[in-house]
Amino acid sequence: MKGFSVSKLILLLLIAVSLDLRAYSLAPASFENLQSAILTLNFLESLPSNGPIVVGVIYTSDIPGSKSIATETANAMSAMRGPNSRILQPIVLSLNDLDRFQGRLDVIFLEPGVSMHPERVLVATGRLHAVSISADPVCMDSRCCVLLVRSGQQVEISLNTSLASAIGARFSMVFMVVVKRR
């Protein structure tokens, strides 16, 4: 190919990734997606039965403005109630903070872009035995979330059964019958 060079290809790839990251920064989880994700917790039988439900709202610092989006998500989440009207206690954590987090997380909510680091998410979910949920379809493609929950004209829920099993997540039989398994 005339005029082709490895350096030009690398530059084009860097530009494409940069544009892709900026697109993520414009797409926080909608209220409907967040509400649907919280409602799925009603079917999570392995969730602790009392006290607040601790939710890590995870963002990646690779994306400009992602911390403020995660903070908005946490604020919206703190106004909601979980199963049996239990309080949701969101904690905003960067992916770097999650790598070192030693506390308790019952659920990990992945903001857009976090799924671009699946190995780090998988290590954290395994270590913390926390169910990872996202509205970002990349999370299912990268196989780093237990649940993909998206709302539109209808609610789409996909369950990664092997990941759920690996972290010890148990869901009710009713849920298992109606959910799309991957």
N, C-alpha and C. Protein backbone atom coordinates (compact mmCIF):
# COMPACT_ATOMS: atom_id res chain seq x y z
N MET A 1 0.84 -1.19 0.00
CA MET A 1 0.00 0.00 0.00
C MET A 1 0.88 1.24 0.00
N LYS A 2 0.59 2.12 -0.88
CA LYS A 2 1.38 3.33 -0.99
C LYS A 2 0.99 4.30 0.13
N GLY A 3 1.98 4.87 0.82
CA GLY A 3 1.72 5.87 1.85
C GLY A 3 1.31 5.28 3.19
N PHE A 4 1.29 3.97 3.31
CA PHE A 4 0.90 3.32 4.57
C PHE A 4 2.12 3.20 5.48
N SER A 5 1.91 3.52 6.74
CA SER A 5 2.98 3.32 7.71
C SER A 5 2.37 2.91 9.04
N VAL A 6 3.16 2.22 9.82
CA VAL A 6 2.70 1.77 11.13
C VAL A 6 2.38 2.97 12.02
N SER A 7 3.18 4.02 11.94
CA SER A 7 2.93 5.19 12.78
C SER A 7 1.60 5.86 12.43
N LYS A 8 1.23 5.88 11.15
CA LYS A 8 -0.07 6.46 10.76
C LYS A 8 -1.21 5.59 11.28
N LEU A 9 -1.04 4.27 11.22
CA LEU A 9 -2.06 3.36 11.72
C LEU A 9 -2.25 3.54 13.22
N ILE A 10 -1.15 3.63 13.94
CA ILE A 10 -1.22 3.84 15.39
C ILE A 10 -1.90 5.15 15.71
N LEU A 11 -1.58 6.21 14.98
CA LEU A 11 -2.21 7.51 15.19
C LEU A 11 -3.71 7.43 14.96
N LEU A 12 -4.13 6.75 13.88
CA LEU A 12 -5.56 6.59 13.60
C LEU A 12 -6.26 5.81 14.72
N LEU A 13 -5.62 4.76 15.22
CA LEU A 13 -6.20 3.99 16.32
C LEU A 13 -6.34 4.83 17.58
N LEU A 14 -5.32 5.63 17.89
CA LEU A 14 -5.39 6.49 19.07
C LEU A 14 -6.51 7.52 18.94
N ILE A 15 -6.67 8.07 17.76
CA ILE A 15 -7.76 9.03 17.53
C ILE A 15 -9.11 8.34 17.70
N ALA A 16 -9.25 7.14 17.15
CA ALA A 16 -10.52 6.40 17.25
C ALA A 16 -10.85 6.09 18.70
N VAL A 17 -9.85 5.64 19.47
CA VAL A 17 -10.08 5.34 20.89
C VAL A 17 -10.43 6.61 21.64
N SER A 18 -9.75 7.70 21.33
CA SER A 18 -10.03 8.98 21.99
C SER A 18 -11.46 9.42 21.71
N LEU A 19 -11.91 9.31 20.47
CA LEU A 19 -13.28 9.69 20.14
C LEU A 19 -14.28 8.77 20.83
N ASP A 20 -13.96 7.48 20.91
CA ASP A 20 -14.83 6.52 21.58
C ASP A 20 -14.97 6.87 23.06
N LEU A 21 -13.88 7.25 23.72
CA LEU A 21 -13.92 7.62 25.13
C LEU A 21 -14.75 8.88 25.34
N ARG A 22 -14.64 9.85 24.42
CA ARG A 22 -15.44 11.06 24.56
C ARG A 22 -16.92 10.75 24.40
N ALA A 23 -17.26 9.80 23.55
CA ALA A 23 -18.67 9.41 23.38
C ALA A 23 -19.21 8.83 24.66
N TYR A 24 -18.39 8.04 25.37
CA TYR A 24 -18.82 7.50 26.65
C TYR A 24 -19.11 8.61 27.65
N SER A 25 -18.32 9.66 27.64
CA SER A 25 -18.49 10.71 28.64
C SER A 25 -19.84 11.42 28.51
N LEU A 26 -20.51 11.27 27.38
CA LEU A 26 -21.78 11.94 27.16
C LEU A 26 -22.98 11.07 27.52
N ALA A 27 -22.74 9.86 28.07
CA ALA A 27 -23.85 8.93 28.24
C ALA A 27 -23.94 8.37 29.67
N PRO A 28 -24.36 9.19 30.63
CA PRO A 28 -24.57 8.63 31.98
C PRO A 28 -25.78 7.72 31.98
N ALA A 29 -25.87 6.86 32.97
CA ALA A 29 -27.01 5.95 33.10
C ALA A 29 -28.29 6.77 33.27
N SER A 30 -29.31 6.41 32.52
CA SER A 30 -30.58 7.10 32.65
C SER A 30 -31.27 6.68 33.94
N PHE A 31 -32.21 7.48 34.39
CA PHE A 31 -32.96 7.15 35.59
C PHE A 31 -33.68 5.82 35.41
N GLU A 32 -34.22 5.59 34.22
CA GLU A 32 -34.94 4.34 33.95
C GLU A 32 -34.02 3.13 34.05
N ASN A 33 -32.80 3.26 33.47
CA ASN A 33 -31.83 2.16 33.56
C ASN A 33 -31.43 1.90 35.01
N LEU A 34 -31.21 2.96 35.74
CA LEU A 34 -30.82 2.84 37.14
C LEU A 34 -31.93 2.21 37.97
N GLN A 35 -33.15 2.67 37.78
CA GLN A 35 -34.28 2.13 38.50
C GLN A 35 -34.49 0.65 38.18
N SER A 36 -34.37 0.29 36.91
CA SER A 36 -34.51 -1.11 36.52
C SER A 36 -33.41 -1.98 37.14
N ALA A 37 -32.19 -1.46 37.17
CA ALA A 37 -31.08 -2.19 37.78
C ALA A 37 -31.34 -2.44 39.26
N ILE A 38 -31.83 -1.44 39.95
CA ILE A 38 -32.12 -1.58 41.39
C ILE A 38 -33.26 -2.58 41.60
N LEU A 39 -34.26 -2.56 40.73
CA LEU A 39 -35.37 -3.50 40.85
C LEU A 39 -34.93 -4.96 40.69
N THR A 40 -33.89 -5.20 39.88
CA THR A 40 -33.40 -6.57 39.72
C THR A 40 -32.84 -7.14 41.03
N LEU A 41 -32.45 -6.26 41.94
CA LEU A 41 -31.92 -6.73 43.23
C LEU A 41 -32.97 -7.47 44.04
N ASN A 42 -34.25 -7.25 43.73
CA ASN A 42 -35.32 -7.98 44.41
C ASN A 42 -35.22 -9.49 44.17
N PHE A 43 -34.56 -9.88 43.10
CA PHE A 43 -34.44 -11.29 42.74
C PHE A 43 -33.11 -11.91 43.14
N LEU A 44 -32.23 -11.11 43.73
CA LEU A 44 -30.91 -11.57 44.14
C LEU A 44 -30.99 -12.18 45.53
N GLU A 45 -31.04 -13.48 45.61
CA GLU A 45 -31.22 -14.17 46.89
C GLU A 45 -29.96 -14.17 47.75
N SER A 46 -28.79 -13.97 47.14
CA SER A 46 -27.54 -13.99 47.90
C SER A 46 -27.19 -12.63 48.50
N LEU A 47 -28.05 -11.66 48.33
CA LEU A 47 -27.85 -10.34 48.93
C LEU A 47 -28.02 -10.44 50.44
N PRO A 48 -27.16 -9.78 51.24
CA PRO A 48 -27.37 -9.82 52.69
C PRO A 48 -28.80 -9.42 53.04
N SER A 49 -29.38 -10.07 54.04
CA SER A 49 -30.81 -9.91 54.31
C SER A 49 -31.18 -8.69 55.16
N ASN A 50 -30.21 -8.01 55.74
CA ASN A 50 -30.56 -6.82 56.52
C ASN A 50 -29.49 -5.76 56.39
N GLY A 51 -29.82 -4.58 56.87
CA GLY A 51 -28.90 -3.44 56.77
C GLY A 51 -28.95 -2.81 55.39
N PRO A 52 -28.19 -1.75 55.21
CA PRO A 52 -28.18 -1.08 53.92
C PRO A 52 -27.52 -1.95 52.84
N ILE A 53 -27.90 -1.71 51.62
CA ILE A 53 -27.27 -2.38 50.48
C ILE A 53 -26.17 -1.44 49.99
N VAL A 54 -24.94 -1.88 50.10
CA VAL A 54 -23.79 -1.05 49.74
C VAL A 54 -23.48 -1.25 48.27
N VAL A 55 -23.56 -0.15 47.51
CA VAL A 55 -23.36 -0.19 46.07
C VAL A 55 -22.15 0.66 45.70
N GLY A 56 -21.17 0.02 45.11
CA GLY A 56 -20.03 0.77 44.57
C GLY A 56 -20.39 1.29 43.20
N VAL A 57 -20.36 2.59 43.03
CA VAL A 57 -20.60 3.21 41.72
C VAL A 57 -19.21 3.47 41.14
N ILE A 58 -18.86 2.69 40.13
CA ILE A 58 -17.48 2.66 39.64
C ILE A 58 -17.34 3.45 38.34
N TYR A 59 -16.33 4.30 38.31
CA TYR A 59 -16.04 5.08 37.11
C TYR A 59 -14.58 4.88 36.75
N THR A 60 -14.24 5.20 35.52
CA THR A 60 -12.84 5.16 35.10
C THR A 60 -12.35 6.57 34.85
N SER A 61 -11.18 6.85 35.36
CA SER A 61 -10.63 8.19 35.18
C SER A 61 -10.09 8.39 33.76
N ASP A 62 -10.19 7.37 32.90
CA ASP A 62 -9.81 7.50 31.48
C ASP A 62 -10.75 8.45 30.75
N ILE A 63 -11.95 8.62 31.31
CA ILE A 63 -12.98 9.40 30.62
C ILE A 63 -13.19 10.73 31.35
N PRO A 64 -12.99 11.84 30.65
CA PRO A 64 -13.20 13.15 31.28
C PRO A 64 -14.62 13.30 31.82
N GLY A 65 -14.74 13.78 33.04
CA GLY A 65 -16.04 14.03 33.64
C GLY A 65 -16.72 12.81 34.22
N SER A 66 -16.07 11.66 34.18
CA SER A 66 -16.73 10.43 34.63
C SER A 66 -16.97 10.42 36.14
N LYS A 67 -16.14 11.09 36.91
CA LYS A 67 -16.37 11.14 38.35
C LYS A 67 -17.65 11.90 38.66
N SER A 68 -17.90 13.00 37.97
CA SER A 68 -19.13 13.75 38.23
C SER A 68 -20.36 12.97 37.79
N ILE A 69 -20.24 12.19 36.71
CA ILE A 69 -21.35 11.34 36.28
C ILE A 69 -21.62 10.28 37.34
N ALA A 70 -20.57 9.67 37.87
CA ALA A 70 -20.73 8.66 38.92
C ALA A 70 -21.35 9.27 40.17
N THR A 71 -20.98 10.49 40.49
CA THR A 71 -21.56 11.18 41.65
C THR A 71 -23.04 11.44 41.43
N GLU A 72 -23.43 11.84 40.21
CA GLU A 72 -24.85 12.02 39.89
C GLU A 72 -25.61 10.71 40.03
N THR A 73 -25.02 9.63 39.56
CA THR A 73 -25.64 8.30 39.68
C THR A 73 -25.82 7.94 41.15
N ALA A 74 -24.78 8.15 41.94
CA ALA A 74 -24.85 7.84 43.38
C ALA A 74 -25.93 8.67 44.07
N ASN A 75 -26.02 9.94 43.72
CA ASN A 75 -27.06 10.80 44.32
C ASN A 75 -28.46 10.31 43.97
N ALA A 76 -28.66 9.93 42.71
CA ALA A 76 -29.97 9.40 42.29
C ALA A 76 -30.26 8.09 43.00
N MET A 77 -29.24 7.26 43.12
CA MET A 77 -29.39 5.97 43.77
C MET A 77 -29.74 6.10 45.25
N SER A 78 -29.14 7.07 45.91
CA SER A 78 -29.38 7.24 47.35
C SER A 78 -30.82 7.67 47.64
N ALA A 79 -31.52 8.18 46.64
CA ALA A 79 -32.93 8.56 46.81
C ALA A 79 -33.87 7.38 46.56
N MET A 80 -33.33 6.27 46.09
CA MET A 80 -34.14 5.08 45.80
C MET A 80 -34.08 4.12 46.98
N ARG A 81 -34.95 3.13 46.93
CA ARG A 81 -34.96 2.06 47.93
C ARG A 81 -34.72 0.74 47.23
N GLY A 82 -34.04 -0.15 47.94
CA GLY A 82 -33.78 -1.49 47.41
C GLY A 82 -34.85 -2.46 47.86
N PRO A 83 -34.58 -3.75 47.76
CA PRO A 83 -35.54 -4.77 48.18
C PRO A 83 -36.02 -4.55 49.61
N ASN A 84 -37.30 -4.78 49.83
CA ASN A 84 -37.92 -4.61 51.16
C ASN A 84 -37.70 -3.20 51.72
N SER A 85 -37.69 -2.21 50.85
CA SER A 85 -37.51 -0.80 51.21
C SER A 85 -36.19 -0.53 51.95
N ARG A 86 -35.19 -1.36 51.67
CA ARG A 86 -33.89 -1.15 52.31
C ARG A 86 -33.16 0.04 51.70
N ILE A 87 -32.39 0.69 52.52
CA ILE A 87 -31.62 1.86 52.10
C ILE A 87 -30.48 1.42 51.19
N LEU A 88 -30.27 2.19 50.13
CA LEU A 88 -29.11 1.99 49.28
C LEU A 88 -28.02 2.94 49.74
N GLN A 89 -26.84 2.41 49.92
CA GLN A 89 -25.71 3.22 50.38
C GLN A 89 -24.65 3.21 49.28
N PRO A 90 -24.75 4.18 48.34
CA PRO A 90 -23.77 4.21 47.25
C PRO A 90 -22.43 4.80 47.69
N ILE A 91 -21.37 4.23 47.14
CA ILE A 91 -20.01 4.72 47.36
C ILE A 91 -19.38 4.93 45.98
N VAL A 92 -18.96 6.15 45.69
CA VAL A 92 -18.33 6.45 44.41
C VAL A 92 -16.85 6.06 44.49
N LEU A 93 -16.43 5.20 43.58
CA LEU A 93 -15.04 4.73 43.55
C LEU A 93 -14.51 4.75 42.12
N SER A 94 -13.29 5.21 41.96
CA SER A 94 -12.64 5.06 40.66
C SER A 94 -12.24 3.59 40.52
N LEU A 95 -11.95 3.19 39.33
CA LEU A 95 -11.49 1.83 39.10
C LEU A 95 -10.19 1.57 39.87
N ASN A 96 -9.34 2.58 39.95
CA ASN A 96 -8.11 2.45 40.74
C ASN A 96 -8.42 2.24 42.21
N ASP A 97 -9.40 2.98 42.74
CA ASP A 97 -9.80 2.80 44.14
C ASP A 97 -10.40 1.41 44.38
N LEU A 98 -11.17 0.93 43.40
CA LEU A 98 -11.78 -0.39 43.52
C LEU A 98 -10.71 -1.48 43.61
N ASP A 99 -9.62 -1.29 42.88
CA ASP A 99 -8.52 -2.27 42.92
C ASP A 99 -8.01 -2.48 44.34
N ARG A 100 -8.05 -1.43 45.15
CA ARG A 100 -7.50 -1.48 46.52
C ARG A 100 -8.57 -1.52 47.61
N PHE A 101 -9.84 -1.49 47.23
CA PHE A 101 -10.93 -1.38 48.20
C PHE A 101 -10.99 -2.62 49.09
N GLN A 102 -11.05 -2.39 50.41
CA GLN A 102 -11.07 -3.49 51.38
C GLN A 102 -12.38 -3.60 52.14
N GLY A 103 -13.32 -2.70 51.89
CA GLY A 103 -14.59 -2.70 52.60
C GLY A 103 -15.59 -3.67 51.99
N ARG A 104 -16.84 -3.47 52.33
CA ARG A 104 -17.91 -4.32 51.84
C ARG A 104 -18.65 -3.64 50.70
N LEU A 105 -18.84 -4.34 49.62
CA LEU A 105 -19.71 -3.91 48.53
C LEU A 105 -20.62 -5.08 48.20
N ASP A 106 -21.92 -4.84 48.20
CA ASP A 106 -22.87 -5.88 47.83
C ASP A 106 -23.07 -5.93 46.33
N VAL A 107 -23.01 -4.76 45.72
CA VAL A 107 -23.25 -4.60 44.29
C VAL A 107 -22.24 -3.61 43.74
N ILE A 108 -21.82 -3.84 42.50
CA ILE A 108 -20.94 -2.91 41.81
C ILE A 108 -21.68 -2.43 40.58
N PHE A 109 -21.96 -1.13 40.50
CA PHE A 109 -22.62 -0.54 39.35
C PHE A 109 -21.54 0.08 38.47
N LEU A 110 -21.40 -0.43 37.26
CA LEU A 110 -20.35 0.01 36.35
C LEU A 110 -20.85 1.14 35.45
N GLU A 111 -20.23 2.27 35.58
CA GLU A 111 -20.54 3.40 34.70
C GLU A 111 -19.95 3.13 33.31
N PRO A 112 -20.44 3.82 32.29
CA PRO A 112 -19.90 3.62 30.94
C PRO A 112 -18.39 3.80 30.90
N GLY A 113 -17.73 2.91 30.18
CA GLY A 113 -16.28 2.96 30.02
C GLY A 113 -15.52 2.03 30.94
N VAL A 114 -16.08 1.70 32.07
CA VAL A 114 -15.38 0.81 33.02
C VAL A 114 -15.20 -0.58 32.41
N SER A 115 -16.13 -0.98 31.57
CA SER A 115 -16.07 -2.31 30.95
C SER A 115 -14.91 -2.45 29.96
N MET A 116 -14.24 -1.37 29.69
CA MET A 116 -13.05 -1.44 28.84
C MET A 116 -11.87 -2.02 29.61
N HIS A 117 -12.06 -2.29 30.90
CA HIS A 117 -11.03 -2.87 31.76
C HIS A 117 -11.59 -4.13 32.42
N PRO A 118 -12.00 -5.12 31.63
CA PRO A 118 -12.72 -6.28 32.19
C PRO A 118 -11.92 -7.08 33.21
N GLU A 119 -10.63 -7.22 33.00
CA GLU A 119 -9.84 -8.04 33.93
C GLU A 119 -9.83 -7.43 35.33
N ARG A 120 -9.79 -6.13 35.43
CA ARG A 120 -9.80 -5.46 36.74
C ARG A 120 -11.16 -5.60 37.41
N VAL A 121 -12.22 -5.49 36.63
CA VAL A 121 -13.57 -5.66 37.17
C VAL A 121 -13.76 -7.08 37.67
N LEU A 122 -13.31 -8.05 36.89
CA LEU A 122 -13.45 -9.46 37.29
C LEU A 122 -12.70 -9.78 38.57
N VAL A 123 -11.51 -9.23 38.71
CA VAL A 123 -10.74 -9.45 39.94
C VAL A 123 -11.50 -8.87 41.14
N ALA A 124 -12.04 -7.66 40.98
CA ALA A 124 -12.77 -7.01 42.08
C ALA A 124 -14.05 -7.75 42.43
N THR A 125 -14.83 -8.16 41.43
CA THR A 125 -16.07 -8.88 41.73
C THR A 125 -15.79 -10.20 42.41
N GLY A 126 -14.74 -10.87 41.98
CA GLY A 126 -14.36 -12.14 42.62
C GLY A 126 -13.88 -11.95 44.05
N ARG A 127 -13.06 -10.95 44.26
CA ARG A 127 -12.51 -10.68 45.59
C ARG A 127 -13.59 -10.22 46.57
N LEU A 128 -14.52 -9.40 46.09
CA LEU A 128 -15.56 -8.82 46.95
C LEU A 128 -16.86 -9.62 46.95
N HIS A 129 -16.97 -10.61 46.05
CA HIS A 129 -18.21 -11.39 45.88
C HIS A 129 -19.41 -10.45 45.68
N ALA A 130 -19.21 -9.47 44.82
CA ALA A 130 -20.23 -8.46 44.55
C ALA A 130 -20.76 -8.63 43.13
N VAL A 131 -22.06 -8.49 42.97
CA VAL A 131 -22.70 -8.58 41.66
C VAL A 131 -22.44 -7.29 40.90
N SER A 132 -21.92 -7.42 39.69
CA SER A 132 -21.68 -6.25 38.85
C SER A 132 -22.87 -6.05 37.90
N ILE A 133 -23.33 -4.82 37.84
CA ILE A 133 -24.48 -4.45 37.01
C ILE A 133 -24.09 -3.24 36.17
N SER A 134 -24.58 -3.21 34.93
CA SER A 134 -24.34 -2.05 34.09
C SER A 134 -25.44 -1.92 33.06
N ALA A 135 -25.57 -0.72 32.52
CA ALA A 135 -26.46 -0.47 31.39
C ALA A 135 -25.65 -0.37 30.11
N ASP A 136 -24.34 -0.49 30.22
CA ASP A 136 -23.41 -0.39 29.10
C ASP A 136 -23.28 -1.76 28.42
N PRO A 137 -23.73 -1.91 27.17
CA PRO A 137 -23.68 -3.22 26.52
C PRO A 137 -22.27 -3.78 26.38
N VAL A 138 -21.27 -2.94 26.44
CA VAL A 138 -19.89 -3.42 26.36
C VAL A 138 -19.58 -4.37 27.52
N CYS A 139 -20.27 -4.21 28.64
CA CYS A 139 -20.00 -5.07 29.80
C CYS A 139 -20.33 -6.52 29.49
N MET A 140 -21.35 -6.80 28.72
CA MET A 140 -21.67 -8.19 28.35
C MET A 140 -20.69 -8.69 27.31
N ASP A 141 -20.34 -7.83 26.36
CA ASP A 141 -19.38 -8.23 25.33
C ASP A 141 -18.02 -8.55 25.93
N SER A 142 -17.62 -7.80 26.94
CA SER A 142 -16.32 -8.03 27.58
C SER A 142 -16.42 -9.03 28.74
N ARG A 143 -17.63 -9.49 29.00
CA ARG A 143 -17.91 -10.53 30.02
C ARG A 143 -17.42 -10.14 31.41
N CYS A 144 -17.69 -8.88 31.79
CA CYS A 144 -17.26 -8.44 33.12
C CYS A 144 -18.42 -8.03 34.01
N CYS A 145 -19.66 -8.17 33.54
CA CYS A 145 -20.78 -7.86 34.44
C CYS A 145 -21.71 -9.06 34.53
N VAL A 146 -22.25 -9.22 35.71
CA VAL A 146 -23.21 -10.29 35.95
C VAL A 146 -24.52 -9.96 35.26
N LEU A 147 -24.94 -8.71 35.39
CA LEU A 147 -26.22 -8.27 34.81
C LEU A 147 -26.05 -7.06 33.91
N LEU A 148 -26.66 -7.14 32.74
CA LEU A 148 -26.83 -5.98 31.87
C LEU A 148 -28.31 -5.63 31.97
N VAL A 149 -28.60 -4.42 32.41
CA VAL A 149 -29.99 -3.99 32.56
C VAL A 149 -30.17 -2.68 31.80
N ARG A 150 -31.04 -2.71 30.79
CA ARG A 150 -31.29 -1.52 29.97
C ARG A 150 -32.78 -1.34 29.78
N SER A 151 -33.20 -0.10 29.87
CA SER A 151 -34.61 0.24 29.67
C SER A 151 -34.76 1.06 28.41
N GLY A 152 -35.78 0.76 27.69
CA GLY A 152 -36.17 1.51 26.51
C GLY A 152 -37.67 1.38 26.43
N GLN A 153 -38.16 0.93 25.27
CA GLN A 153 -39.58 0.64 25.18
C GLN A 153 -39.92 -0.59 26.02
N GLN A 154 -38.92 -1.43 26.24
CA GLN A 154 -39.07 -2.55 27.15
C GLN A 154 -37.75 -2.71 27.91
N VAL A 155 -37.80 -3.44 29.01
CA VAL A 155 -36.60 -3.65 29.81
C VAL A 155 -35.88 -4.89 29.29
N GLU A 156 -34.57 -4.74 29.05
CA GLU A 156 -33.73 -5.85 28.63
C GLU A 156 -32.83 -6.23 29.79
N ILE A 157 -32.89 -7.48 30.21
CA ILE A 157 -32.03 -7.96 31.29
C ILE A 157 -31.30 -9.19 30.78
N SER A 158 -29.96 -9.14 30.82
CA SER A 158 -29.14 -10.28 30.43
C SER A 158 -28.29 -10.68 31.62
N LEU A 159 -28.17 -11.99 31.82
CA LEU A 159 -27.44 -12.55 32.95
C LEU A 159 -26.27 -13.38 32.45
N ASN A 160 -25.08 -13.08 32.93
CA ASN A 160 -23.90 -13.88 32.67
C ASN A 160 -23.88 -14.97 33.74
N THR A 161 -24.38 -16.15 33.39
CA THR A 161 -24.56 -17.22 34.38
C THR A 161 -23.23 -17.74 34.92
N SER A 162 -22.21 -17.82 34.09
CA SER A 162 -20.93 -18.33 34.59
C SER A 162 -20.28 -17.36 35.57
N LEU A 163 -20.38 -16.07 35.31
CA LEU A 163 -19.83 -15.09 36.25
C LEU A 163 -20.65 -15.06 37.54
N ALA A 164 -21.97 -15.15 37.42
CA ALA A 164 -22.83 -15.19 38.61
C ALA A 164 -22.45 -16.37 39.49
N SER A 165 -22.25 -17.52 38.87
CA SER A 165 -21.86 -18.72 39.62
C SER A 165 -20.48 -18.54 40.27
N ALA A 166 -19.56 -17.94 39.54
CA ALA A 166 -18.19 -17.77 40.05
C ALA A 166 -18.13 -16.89 41.30
N ILE A 167 -19.03 -15.92 41.41
CA ILE A 167 -18.99 -15.04 42.59
C ILE A 167 -20.00 -15.47 43.66
N GLY A 168 -20.75 -16.53 43.38
CA GLY A 168 -21.70 -17.04 44.37
C GLY A 168 -23.04 -16.31 44.39
N ALA A 169 -23.39 -15.65 43.29
CA ALA A 169 -24.68 -14.94 43.22
C ALA A 169 -25.79 -15.94 42.91
N ARG A 170 -26.86 -15.85 43.68
CA ARG A 170 -28.02 -16.72 43.49
C ARG A 170 -29.25 -15.85 43.23
N PHE A 171 -29.98 -16.21 42.19
CA PHE A 171 -31.19 -15.48 41.83
C PHE A 171 -32.40 -16.40 41.97
N SER A 172 -33.56 -15.80 42.19
CA SER A 172 -34.79 -16.58 42.34
C SER A 172 -35.11 -17.32 41.04
N MET A 173 -35.85 -18.42 41.18
CA MET A 173 -36.22 -19.23 40.01
C MET A 173 -37.09 -18.42 39.03
N VAL A 174 -37.96 -17.57 39.55
CA VAL A 174 -38.80 -16.74 38.68
C VAL A 174 -37.92 -15.87 37.79
N PHE A 175 -36.90 -15.27 38.36
CA PHE A 175 -35.97 -14.42 37.63
C PHE A 175 -35.25 -15.24 36.56
N MET A 176 -34.79 -16.42 36.95
CA MET A 176 -34.02 -17.27 36.04
C MET A 176 -34.86 -17.71 34.83
N VAL A 177 -36.16 -17.81 35.00
CA VAL A 177 -37.04 -18.22 33.91
C VAL A 177 -37.21 -17.10 32.89
N VAL A 178 -37.29 -15.87 33.33
CA VAL A 178 -37.60 -14.76 32.42
C VAL A 178 -36.37 -14.02 31.88
N VAL A 179 -35.22 -14.17 32.50
CA VAL A 179 -34.06 -13.40 32.10
C VAL A 179 -33.36 -14.06 30.90
N LYS A 180 -32.73 -13.22 30.08
CA LYS A 180 -31.94 -13.70 28.96
C LYS A 180 -30.56 -14.11 29.50
N ARG A 181 -30.17 -15.35 29.26
CA ARG A 181 -28.89 -15.86 29.78
C ARG A 181 -27.83 -15.84 28.68
N ARG A 182 -26.63 -15.47 29.14
CA ARG A 182 -25.49 -15.47 28.19
C ARG A 182 -24.36 -16.27 28.76
